[in-house]
Amino acid sequence: MIQKFIESIEKTIHNSPIILSSSTQKQVGPNSETVYLKSNLLFIDSSILEITSFPHHKHTPIKIIQSPMPSLKDVLNEISAIIILE
């Protein structure tokens, strides 16, 4: 299950047309039931997204707000909409 989750994240990053480069660190727990991921994504507009897990929050143009954990695909769709409007 963990491996499928990691593969899904990597596929989403690889298939995104707005990502120029990425770096992901993975650490699987000793029982192979948990994983810690930390990613840095560089976008076509030179902005960077740093991904870690907790606490879940979002940086808006005005402030940082609490946010439920979205899927990476949802995050990339929101960023894509912002980049396209600029």
N, C-alpha and C. Protein backbone atom coordinates (compact mmCIF):
# COMPACT_ATOMS: atom_id res chain seq x y z
N MET A 1 0.82 -1.19 0.00
CA MET A 1 0.00 0.00 0.00
C MET A 1 0.87 1.26 0.00
N ILE A 2 1.91 1.28 0.83
CA ILE A 2 2.82 2.43 0.88
C ILE A 2 3.50 2.62 -0.46
N GLN A 3 3.96 1.52 -1.06
CA GLN A 3 4.65 1.62 -2.35
C GLN A 3 3.74 2.20 -3.43
N LYS A 4 2.47 1.81 -3.43
CA LYS A 4 1.52 2.36 -4.41
C LYS A 4 1.30 3.85 -4.19
N PHE A 5 1.26 4.28 -2.93
CA PHE A 5 1.12 5.69 -2.60
C PHE A 5 2.32 6.48 -3.13
N ILE A 6 3.52 5.97 -2.88
CA ILE A 6 4.74 6.63 -3.35
C ILE A 6 4.75 6.70 -4.87
N GLU A 7 4.41 5.60 -5.53
CA GLU A 7 4.37 5.57 -6.99
C GLU A 7 3.35 6.57 -7.54
N SER A 8 2.22 6.71 -6.87
CA SER A 8 1.20 7.66 -7.29
C SER A 8 1.71 9.10 -7.21
N ILE A 9 2.39 9.42 -6.13
CA ILE A 9 2.97 10.76 -5.96
C ILE A 9 4.00 11.01 -7.06
N GLU A 10 4.91 10.06 -7.26
CA GLU A 10 5.96 10.22 -8.28
C GLU A 10 5.37 10.36 -9.68
N LYS A 11 4.32 9.61 -9.99
CA LYS A 11 3.67 9.68 -11.30
C LYS A 11 3.01 11.04 -11.50
N THR A 12 2.34 11.54 -10.45
CA THR A 12 1.69 12.84 -10.53
C THR A 12 2.72 13.94 -10.79
N ILE A 13 3.85 13.89 -10.10
CA ILE A 13 4.92 14.88 -10.31
C ILE A 13 5.46 14.76 -11.74
N HIS A 14 5.76 13.55 -12.15
CA HIS A 14 6.35 13.32 -13.48
C HIS A 14 5.43 13.78 -14.61
N ASN A 15 4.13 13.61 -14.45
CA ASN A 15 3.17 13.94 -15.50
C ASN A 15 2.70 15.39 -15.52
N SER A 16 3.16 16.18 -14.58
CA SER A 16 2.71 17.57 -14.53
C SER A 16 3.50 18.44 -15.50
N PRO A 17 2.81 19.14 -16.40
CA PRO A 17 3.51 19.99 -17.37
C PRO A 17 4.06 21.29 -16.77
N ILE A 18 3.68 21.62 -15.54
CA ILE A 18 4.15 22.88 -14.94
C ILE A 18 5.37 22.69 -14.05
N ILE A 19 5.82 21.45 -13.86
CA ILE A 19 6.98 21.19 -13.01
C ILE A 19 8.23 21.04 -13.87
N LEU A 20 9.25 21.89 -13.59
CA LEU A 20 10.51 21.80 -14.31
C LEU A 20 11.42 20.74 -13.72
N SER A 21 11.47 20.70 -12.39
CA SER A 21 12.31 19.70 -11.72
C SER A 21 11.75 19.43 -10.33
N SER A 22 12.18 18.29 -9.78
CA SER A 22 11.69 17.92 -8.45
C SER A 22 12.76 17.11 -7.72
N SER A 23 12.64 17.15 -6.42
CA SER A 23 13.51 16.36 -5.55
C SER A 23 12.63 15.81 -4.43
N THR A 24 12.67 14.50 -4.23
CA THR A 24 11.85 13.88 -3.20
C THR A 24 12.69 12.96 -2.33
N GLN A 25 12.58 13.15 -1.03
CA GLN A 25 13.23 12.26 -0.06
C GLN A 25 12.15 11.38 0.54
N LYS A 26 12.43 10.07 0.62
CA LYS A 26 11.47 9.11 1.17
C LYS A 26 12.12 8.34 2.30
N GLN A 27 11.37 8.17 3.36
CA GLN A 27 11.82 7.35 4.48
C GLN A 27 10.64 6.48 4.91
N VAL A 28 10.77 5.18 4.67
CA VAL A 28 9.71 4.24 5.04
C VAL A 28 9.97 3.76 6.46
N GLY A 29 8.92 3.72 7.27
CA GLY A 29 9.04 3.28 8.66
C GLY A 29 9.45 1.82 8.76
N PRO A 30 9.92 1.42 9.93
CA PRO A 30 10.42 0.05 10.11
C PRO A 30 9.37 -1.03 9.88
N ASN A 31 8.11 -0.70 10.06
CA ASN A 31 7.05 -1.69 9.85
C ASN A 31 6.47 -1.63 8.44
N SER A 32 7.04 -0.76 7.59
CA SER A 32 6.58 -0.55 6.20
C SER A 32 5.11 -0.13 6.12
N GLU A 33 4.58 0.45 7.19
CA GLU A 33 3.20 0.94 7.19
C GLU A 33 3.12 2.46 7.21
N THR A 34 4.26 3.11 7.37
CA THR A 34 4.29 4.56 7.36
C THR A 34 5.41 5.03 6.43
N VAL A 35 5.25 6.24 5.92
CA VAL A 35 6.29 6.82 5.06
C VAL A 35 6.34 8.32 5.33
N TYR A 36 7.55 8.86 5.33
CA TYR A 36 7.76 10.29 5.44
C TYR A 36 8.28 10.77 4.09
N LEU A 37 7.58 11.70 3.48
CA LEU A 37 8.00 12.27 2.20
C LEU A 37 8.28 13.75 2.37
N LYS A 38 9.32 14.20 1.72
CA LYS A 38 9.62 15.62 1.66
C LYS A 38 10.03 15.91 0.22
N SER A 39 9.28 16.81 -0.43
CA SER A 39 9.55 17.12 -1.83
C SER A 39 9.70 18.61 -2.03
N ASN A 40 10.52 18.95 -3.02
CA ASN A 40 10.65 20.32 -3.49
C ASN A 40 10.36 20.29 -4.98
N LEU A 41 9.40 21.10 -5.42
CA LEU A 41 9.02 21.14 -6.82
C LEU A 41 9.32 22.53 -7.37
N LEU A 42 10.02 22.60 -8.50
CA LEU A 42 10.31 23.86 -9.18
C LEU A 42 9.38 23.97 -10.37
N PHE A 43 8.63 25.08 -10.42
CA PHE A 43 7.64 25.28 -11.46
C PHE A 43 8.17 26.14 -12.60
N ILE A 44 7.44 26.17 -13.71
CA ILE A 44 7.86 26.88 -14.91
C ILE A 44 7.96 28.40 -14.70
N ASP A 45 7.32 28.93 -13.66
CA ASP A 45 7.42 30.36 -13.36
C ASP A 45 8.48 30.64 -12.30
N SER A 46 9.31 29.65 -12.00
CA SER A 46 10.41 29.73 -11.02
C SER A 46 9.94 29.70 -9.57
N SER A 47 8.66 29.48 -9.33
CA SER A 47 8.20 29.34 -7.95
C SER A 47 8.50 27.92 -7.47
N ILE A 48 8.51 27.76 -6.17
CA ILE A 48 8.87 26.47 -5.56
C ILE A 48 7.79 26.07 -4.57
N LEU A 49 7.45 24.78 -4.59
CA LEU A 49 6.54 24.21 -3.60
C LEU A 49 7.31 23.22 -2.76
N GLU A 50 7.28 23.41 -1.45
CA GLU A 50 7.88 22.46 -0.52
C GLU A 50 6.76 21.65 0.10
N ILE A 51 6.88 20.33 0.01
CA ILE A 51 5.84 19.45 0.52
C ILE A 51 6.38 18.66 1.70
N THR A 52 5.71 18.75 2.85
CA THR A 52 5.93 17.91 4.03
C THR A 52 4.54 17.57 4.56
N SER A 53 4.44 16.90 5.66
CA SER A 53 3.11 16.39 6.03
C SER A 53 2.33 17.21 7.02
N PHE A 54 2.86 17.59 8.18
CA PHE A 54 2.01 18.09 9.25
C PHE A 54 2.61 19.34 9.88
N PRO A 55 1.87 20.32 10.37
CA PRO A 55 0.41 20.43 10.25
C PRO A 55 0.05 20.90 8.84
N HIS A 56 -1.11 20.51 8.37
CA HIS A 56 -1.54 20.85 7.02
C HIS A 56 -1.93 22.32 6.99
N HIS A 57 -1.34 23.05 6.05
CA HIS A 57 -1.64 24.46 5.91
C HIS A 57 -1.38 24.89 4.46
N LYS A 58 -1.79 26.11 4.16
CA LYS A 58 -1.64 26.64 2.81
C LYS A 58 -1.24 28.10 2.90
N HIS A 59 -0.28 28.49 2.06
CA HIS A 59 0.13 29.88 1.99
C HIS A 59 -0.69 30.56 0.90
N THR A 60 -1.43 31.59 1.27
CA THR A 60 -2.20 32.37 0.30
C THR A 60 -1.48 33.70 0.14
N PRO A 61 -1.88 34.52 -0.84
CA PRO A 61 -1.22 35.82 -0.98
C PRO A 61 -1.35 36.70 0.26
N ILE A 62 -2.36 36.45 1.08
CA ILE A 62 -2.62 37.30 2.25
C ILE A 62 -2.03 36.74 3.54
N LYS A 63 -2.19 35.41 3.75
CA LYS A 63 -1.74 34.82 5.01
C LYS A 63 -1.62 33.30 4.88
N ILE A 64 -1.20 32.67 5.94
CA ILE A 64 -1.14 31.21 6.02
C ILE A 64 -2.41 30.74 6.70
N ILE A 65 -3.09 29.77 6.08
CA ILE A 65 -4.34 29.28 6.65
C ILE A 65 -4.27 27.77 6.87
N GLN A 66 -5.03 27.30 7.85
CA GLN A 66 -5.14 25.87 8.10
C GLN A 66 -5.90 25.24 6.94
N SER A 67 -5.51 24.04 6.56
CA SER A 67 -6.13 23.40 5.41
C SER A 67 -6.14 21.89 5.60
N PRO A 68 -7.20 21.22 5.16
CA PRO A 68 -7.16 19.75 5.20
C PRO A 68 -6.14 19.26 4.17
N MET A 69 -5.67 18.04 4.34
CA MET A 69 -4.68 17.51 3.41
C MET A 69 -5.31 17.24 2.05
N PRO A 70 -4.92 18.02 1.03
CA PRO A 70 -5.46 17.78 -0.30
C PRO A 70 -4.63 16.72 -1.03
N SER A 71 -5.13 16.27 -2.16
CA SER A 71 -4.31 15.38 -2.97
C SER A 71 -3.28 16.25 -3.70
N LEU A 72 -2.16 15.66 -4.07
CA LEU A 72 -1.14 16.40 -4.82
C LEU A 72 -1.70 16.90 -6.14
N LYS A 73 -2.55 16.11 -6.77
CA LYS A 73 -3.15 16.52 -8.04
C LYS A 73 -3.98 17.78 -7.86
N ASP A 74 -4.75 17.88 -6.77
CA ASP A 74 -5.54 19.09 -6.49
C ASP A 74 -4.64 20.30 -6.29
N VAL A 75 -3.54 20.12 -5.56
CA VAL A 75 -2.60 21.21 -5.32
C VAL A 75 -2.01 21.69 -6.64
N LEU A 76 -1.57 20.75 -7.48
CA LEU A 76 -0.98 21.12 -8.77
C LEU A 76 -1.99 21.80 -9.69
N ASN A 77 -3.24 21.37 -9.64
CA ASN A 77 -4.28 22.05 -10.43
C ASN A 77 -4.47 23.49 -9.98
N GLU A 78 -4.46 23.71 -8.67
CA GLU A 78 -4.61 25.08 -8.15
C GLU A 78 -3.43 25.94 -8.54
N ILE A 79 -2.22 25.41 -8.43
CA ILE A 79 -1.02 26.15 -8.81
C ILE A 79 -1.02 26.43 -10.31
N SER A 80 -1.40 25.45 -11.10
CA SER A 80 -1.46 25.64 -12.55
C SER A 80 -2.40 26.80 -12.91
N ALA A 81 -3.55 26.88 -12.27
CA ALA A 81 -4.50 27.95 -12.53
C ALA A 81 -3.89 29.32 -12.20
N ILE A 82 -3.12 29.38 -11.12
CA ILE A 82 -2.47 30.64 -10.72
C ILE A 82 -1.39 31.02 -11.73
N ILE A 83 -0.56 30.05 -12.14
CA ILE A 83 0.51 30.33 -13.09
C ILE A 83 -0.05 30.80 -14.43
N ILE A 84 -1.09 30.17 -14.88
CA ILE A 84 -1.69 30.52 -16.16
C ILE A 84 -2.26 31.93 -16.14
N LEU A 85 -2.80 32.38 -15.00
CA LEU A 85 -3.38 33.72 -14.88
C LEU A 85 -2.35 34.82 -14.80
N GLU A 86 -1.11 34.48 -14.45
CA GLU A 86 -0.07 35.52 -14.28
C GLU A 86 0.40 36.10 -15.57
